[in-house]
Each structure stands twice: as structure tokens, then as C-alpha cells.
N, C-alpha and C. Protein backbone atom coordinates (compact mmCIF):
# COMPACT_ATOMS: atom_id res chain seq x y z
N MET A 1 63.56 63.86 52.96
CA MET A 1 63.99 62.81 51.92
C MET A 1 63.24 62.95 50.62
N GLU A 2 63.85 62.99 49.45
CA GLU A 2 63.15 62.98 48.20
C GLU A 2 62.72 61.64 47.78
N ALA A 3 61.55 61.58 47.10
CA ALA A 3 61.13 60.30 46.43
C ALA A 3 62.01 59.69 45.37
N LEU A 4 62.45 58.49 45.43
CA LEU A 4 63.17 57.87 44.28
C LEU A 4 62.42 57.88 43.05
N ILE A 5 62.93 58.28 41.86
CA ILE A 5 62.23 58.22 40.55
C ILE A 5 62.62 56.79 39.96
N TRP A 6 61.73 56.00 39.64
CA TRP A 6 61.90 54.72 39.01
C TRP A 6 61.78 54.68 37.62
N GLU A 7 61.65 55.96 36.79
CA GLU A 7 61.66 55.72 35.49
C GLU A 7 62.04 57.04 34.87
N THR A 8 62.52 57.03 33.76
CA THR A 8 62.94 58.21 33.19
C THR A 8 61.89 59.05 32.39
N ALA A 9 62.24 60.30 32.15
CA ALA A 9 61.18 61.05 31.29
C ALA A 9 60.74 60.51 30.18
N ASP A 10 61.65 59.86 29.37
CA ASP A 10 61.15 59.26 28.03
C ASP A 10 60.26 57.95 28.39
N GLU A 11 60.60 57.28 29.61
CA GLU A 11 59.77 56.13 29.83
C GLU A 11 58.40 56.70 30.22
N LEU A 12 58.34 57.52 30.91
CA LEU A 12 56.92 58.23 31.37
C LEU A 12 56.24 58.64 30.21
N ASP A 13 56.95 59.37 29.16
CA ASP A 13 56.19 59.80 28.05
C ASP A 13 55.48 58.47 27.26
N GLN A 14 56.61 57.57 27.14
CA GLN A 14 56.00 56.37 26.36
C GLN A 14 54.90 55.77 26.93
N LYS A 15 54.73 55.66 28.28
CA LYS A 15 53.73 55.01 29.09
C LYS A 15 52.46 55.98 28.79
N LEU A 16 52.50 57.31 28.79
CA LEU A 16 51.40 58.10 28.39
C LEU A 16 50.96 57.95 26.92
N ALA A 17 51.96 57.66 25.93
CA ALA A 17 51.55 57.45 24.63
C ALA A 17 50.77 56.30 24.51
N SER A 18 51.28 55.16 25.32
CA SER A 18 50.59 53.82 25.25
C SER A 18 49.25 54.02 25.74
N ARG A 19 49.08 54.53 26.86
CA ARG A 19 47.75 54.75 27.37
C ARG A 19 46.84 55.30 26.31
N LEU A 20 47.32 56.38 25.70
CA LEU A 20 46.37 57.12 24.75
C LEU A 20 46.12 56.29 23.49
N ARG A 21 47.06 55.53 23.11
CA ARG A 21 46.92 54.66 22.00
C ARG A 21 45.96 53.50 22.36
N ASN A 22 45.91 52.93 23.50
CA ASN A 22 45.03 51.99 24.08
C ASN A 22 43.61 52.54 23.92
N ILE A 23 43.34 53.70 24.45
CA ILE A 23 42.14 54.36 24.35
C ILE A 23 41.70 54.69 23.01
N ARG A 24 42.55 54.91 22.08
CA ARG A 24 42.16 55.25 20.72
C ARG A 24 41.71 53.87 20.00
N LYS A 25 42.51 52.87 20.30
CA LYS A 25 41.90 51.44 19.80
C LYS A 25 40.65 50.90 20.40
N ARG A 26 40.58 51.18 21.72
CA ARG A 26 39.26 50.88 22.33
C ARG A 26 38.21 51.53 21.86
N ARG A 27 38.20 52.68 21.25
CA ARG A 27 37.05 53.40 20.73
C ARG A 27 37.05 53.21 19.23
N ALA A 28 38.03 52.32 18.70
CA ALA A 28 37.89 51.95 17.22
C ALA A 28 38.12 53.22 16.42
N ILE A 29 39.12 53.85 16.74
CA ILE A 29 39.48 55.16 16.08
C ILE A 29 40.84 54.86 15.34
N SER A 30 41.10 55.06 14.08
CA SER A 30 42.35 54.88 13.53
C SER A 30 43.24 56.19 13.85
N GLN A 31 44.52 55.94 13.45
CA GLN A 31 45.38 57.17 13.72
C GLN A 31 44.95 58.29 12.72
N GLN A 32 44.74 57.92 11.44
CA GLN A 32 44.31 58.88 10.52
C GLN A 32 42.98 59.64 11.03
N ARG A 33 41.92 58.85 11.45
CA ARG A 33 40.73 59.48 11.91
C ARG A 33 40.86 60.36 13.30
N LEU A 34 41.99 59.97 14.14
CA LEU A 34 42.26 60.86 15.22
C LEU A 34 43.02 62.02 14.75
N ALA A 35 43.78 62.03 13.73
CA ALA A 35 44.43 63.07 13.21
C ALA A 35 43.36 64.21 12.51
N ASP A 36 42.33 63.72 11.98
CA ASP A 36 41.11 64.55 11.44
C ASP A 36 40.38 65.06 12.46
N MET A 37 40.16 64.36 13.62
CA MET A 37 39.25 64.77 14.63
C MET A 37 40.10 65.79 15.52
N SER A 38 41.41 65.75 15.69
CA SER A 38 42.10 66.61 16.52
C SER A 38 42.81 67.91 15.76
N GLY A 39 43.01 67.45 14.57
CA GLY A 39 43.81 68.68 13.72
C GLY A 39 45.33 68.46 14.01
N VAL A 40 45.76 67.31 14.59
CA VAL A 40 47.18 67.17 14.67
C VAL A 40 47.66 66.19 13.65
N SER A 41 48.48 66.48 12.91
CA SER A 41 49.05 65.65 11.80
C SER A 41 49.08 64.29 12.08
N TYR A 42 48.83 63.34 11.13
CA TYR A 42 48.94 62.01 11.17
C TYR A 42 50.35 61.49 11.58
N GLY A 43 51.31 62.07 11.05
CA GLY A 43 52.75 62.00 11.28
C GLY A 43 53.06 62.12 12.95
N SER A 44 52.48 63.23 13.31
CA SER A 44 52.75 63.51 14.69
C SER A 44 52.16 62.44 15.59
N ILE A 45 50.89 61.90 15.26
CA ILE A 45 50.21 61.04 16.11
C ILE A 45 50.96 59.76 15.83
N LYS A 46 51.42 59.23 14.94
CA LYS A 46 52.23 58.06 14.56
C LYS A 46 53.41 58.25 15.39
N ARG A 47 54.17 59.25 15.31
CA ARG A 47 55.55 59.41 16.12
C ARG A 47 55.24 59.36 17.55
N PHE A 48 54.04 60.08 18.13
CA PHE A 48 53.81 60.17 19.51
C PHE A 48 53.52 58.76 19.87
N GLU A 49 52.79 57.87 19.24
CA GLU A 49 52.47 56.52 19.72
C GLU A 49 53.74 55.59 19.77
N ALA A 50 54.65 56.11 18.79
CA ALA A 50 56.02 55.12 18.81
C ALA A 50 56.96 55.53 19.69
N THR A 51 57.00 56.76 19.96
CA THR A 51 58.15 57.28 20.85
C THR A 51 57.80 58.04 21.99
N GLY A 52 56.56 58.53 22.09
CA GLY A 52 56.09 59.35 23.24
C GLY A 52 56.39 60.64 23.05
N GLN A 53 56.89 61.16 21.92
CA GLN A 53 57.22 62.60 21.69
C GLN A 53 56.15 63.37 20.98
N ILE A 54 55.81 64.54 21.58
CA ILE A 54 54.72 65.34 21.04
C ILE A 54 54.65 66.60 21.77
N SER A 55 54.36 67.72 21.15
CA SER A 55 54.12 69.05 21.84
C SER A 55 53.03 69.08 22.74
N LEU A 56 53.22 69.91 23.73
CA LEU A 56 51.91 70.00 24.82
C LEU A 56 50.73 70.29 23.88
N LEU A 57 50.78 71.23 23.08
CA LEU A 57 49.47 71.75 22.38
C LEU A 57 48.94 70.60 21.65
N SER A 58 49.59 69.81 20.92
CA SER A 58 49.12 68.57 20.33
C SER A 58 48.66 67.63 21.08
N LEU A 59 49.21 67.42 22.27
CA LEU A 59 48.69 66.42 23.33
C LEU A 59 47.32 66.98 23.67
N THR A 60 47.26 68.16 24.04
CA THR A 60 45.88 68.74 24.44
C THR A 60 44.94 68.59 23.39
N LYS A 61 45.16 68.67 22.04
CA LYS A 61 44.30 68.54 20.95
C LYS A 61 43.79 66.99 20.81
N ILE A 62 44.77 66.20 21.22
CA ILE A 62 44.33 64.88 21.07
C ILE A 62 43.45 64.47 22.30
N ALA A 63 43.88 64.87 23.30
CA ALA A 63 43.00 64.66 24.57
C ALA A 63 41.68 65.13 24.39
N MET A 64 41.47 66.27 23.84
CA MET A 64 40.15 66.90 23.59
C MET A 64 39.30 66.19 22.50
N ALA A 65 40.09 65.65 21.54
CA ALA A 65 39.56 64.84 20.53
C ALA A 65 38.87 63.52 21.10
N LEU A 66 39.59 63.03 21.98
CA LEU A 66 39.15 61.61 22.54
C LEU A 66 38.37 61.94 23.75
N ASP A 67 37.84 63.20 24.06
CA ASP A 67 37.01 63.67 25.20
C ASP A 67 37.66 63.28 26.56
N LEU A 68 38.95 63.69 26.56
CA LEU A 68 39.70 63.45 27.73
C LEU A 68 40.29 64.78 28.41
N ALA A 69 39.64 65.87 28.00
CA ALA A 69 40.19 67.19 28.43
C ALA A 69 40.24 67.16 30.02
N GLU A 70 39.18 66.66 30.47
CA GLU A 70 38.87 66.75 32.01
C GLU A 70 40.12 65.96 32.67
N GLU A 71 40.65 65.10 32.07
CA GLU A 71 42.02 64.46 32.59
C GLU A 71 42.90 65.49 32.77
N LEU A 72 43.12 66.39 31.62
CA LEU A 72 44.18 67.35 31.55
C LEU A 72 43.83 68.39 32.49
N ARG A 73 42.71 68.68 32.70
CA ARG A 73 42.27 69.80 33.55
C ARG A 73 42.54 69.52 34.97
N GLY A 74 42.58 68.30 35.34
CA GLY A 74 42.80 67.79 36.62
C GLY A 74 44.19 67.63 37.11
N LEU A 75 45.14 67.58 35.95
CA LEU A 75 46.52 67.56 36.33
C LEU A 75 47.07 68.45 37.18
N PHE A 76 47.83 67.84 37.96
CA PHE A 76 48.59 68.80 39.06
C PHE A 76 47.53 69.31 39.97
N THR A 77 46.38 69.25 40.25
CA THR A 77 45.43 69.87 40.99
C THR A 77 45.36 69.36 42.26
N ARG A 78 45.84 67.98 42.64
CA ARG A 78 45.90 67.44 43.86
C ARG A 78 47.23 67.08 44.35
N VAL A 79 48.18 67.97 44.28
CA VAL A 79 49.50 67.72 44.61
C VAL A 79 49.71 67.92 46.08
N PRO A 80 50.09 66.90 46.90
CA PRO A 80 50.17 67.16 48.35
C PRO A 80 51.47 68.00 48.58
N TYR A 81 51.33 68.59 49.76
CA TYR A 81 52.40 69.33 50.22
C TYR A 81 53.63 68.40 50.64
N LYS A 82 54.87 68.70 50.16
CA LYS A 82 56.04 68.06 50.61
C LYS A 82 56.41 68.30 52.06
N ASN A 83 56.15 69.56 52.49
CA ASN A 83 56.66 69.76 53.85
C ASN A 83 55.92 71.03 54.41
N ILE A 84 56.06 71.53 55.60
CA ILE A 84 55.31 72.61 56.10
C ILE A 84 55.75 73.88 55.78
N GLU A 85 57.07 73.98 55.04
CA GLU A 85 57.65 75.18 54.36
C GLU A 85 56.74 75.47 53.03
N GLU A 86 56.31 74.45 52.34
CA GLU A 86 55.41 74.77 51.14
C GLU A 86 54.18 75.23 51.54
N VAL A 87 53.55 74.91 52.70
CA VAL A 87 52.32 75.46 53.24
C VAL A 87 52.46 76.86 53.53
N ILE A 88 53.67 77.19 54.17
CA ILE A 88 53.92 78.59 54.61
C ILE A 88 54.05 79.31 53.36
N ARG A 89 54.97 78.96 52.41
CA ARG A 89 55.18 79.67 51.22
C ARG A 89 53.86 80.10 50.48
N GLU A 90 53.01 79.08 50.34
CA GLU A 90 51.78 79.20 49.47
C GLU A 90 50.72 80.31 50.24
N SER A 91 50.88 80.30 51.53
CA SER A 91 49.85 81.21 52.20
C SER A 91 50.49 82.66 52.08
N ARG A 92 51.65 82.87 51.72
CA ARG A 92 52.13 84.24 51.60
C ARG A 92 51.65 85.22 50.48
């Protein structure tokens, strides 16, 4: 049985944007300063924080500028197997 999804992709993106905005504010970094630090345009950062929309490359640059690259490196590294068939397919 598949797990129920309780949020849309847009909602998940917005939650991620909100988490990064909170980290940026906690570190007292303005959107413009983050743009300068990351090489991502001010407009892209502003849009990301408002809508959750951003390219993967820009998200990676922002994470690196906020010293969060390790969080991205660990993404999808501890995914549990859903069933025994996945274990068998991976070992082939």
C-alpha cells in the first residue's frame, strides 16, 4: 500500500522556501546580501521566498552560500526500501 500524500508539490516547495527564509533571517542576511553571496539574482531569491519556485542550480547555490551544502548532500541517502523487490533489484 502506498503512503498517502498530505501536501502538494507546491506546498512542499513553499515549506522549503520558508525554512530557508527563516535560516537567512536568523543569520541576519538580507535577500540582497544572499544574492551577492550566492550569485543568484535578487529577483530569484525574492520569488523563491514568496512562491517556492526556483531552479535546482539556484537552490544549490543558496544552500552553499548559507553553509547548508551538507544538507543537500544527504538528500535521498537514507531512503528505506519499500519492499523486498527493491532490495533484489538493487543487488542485480
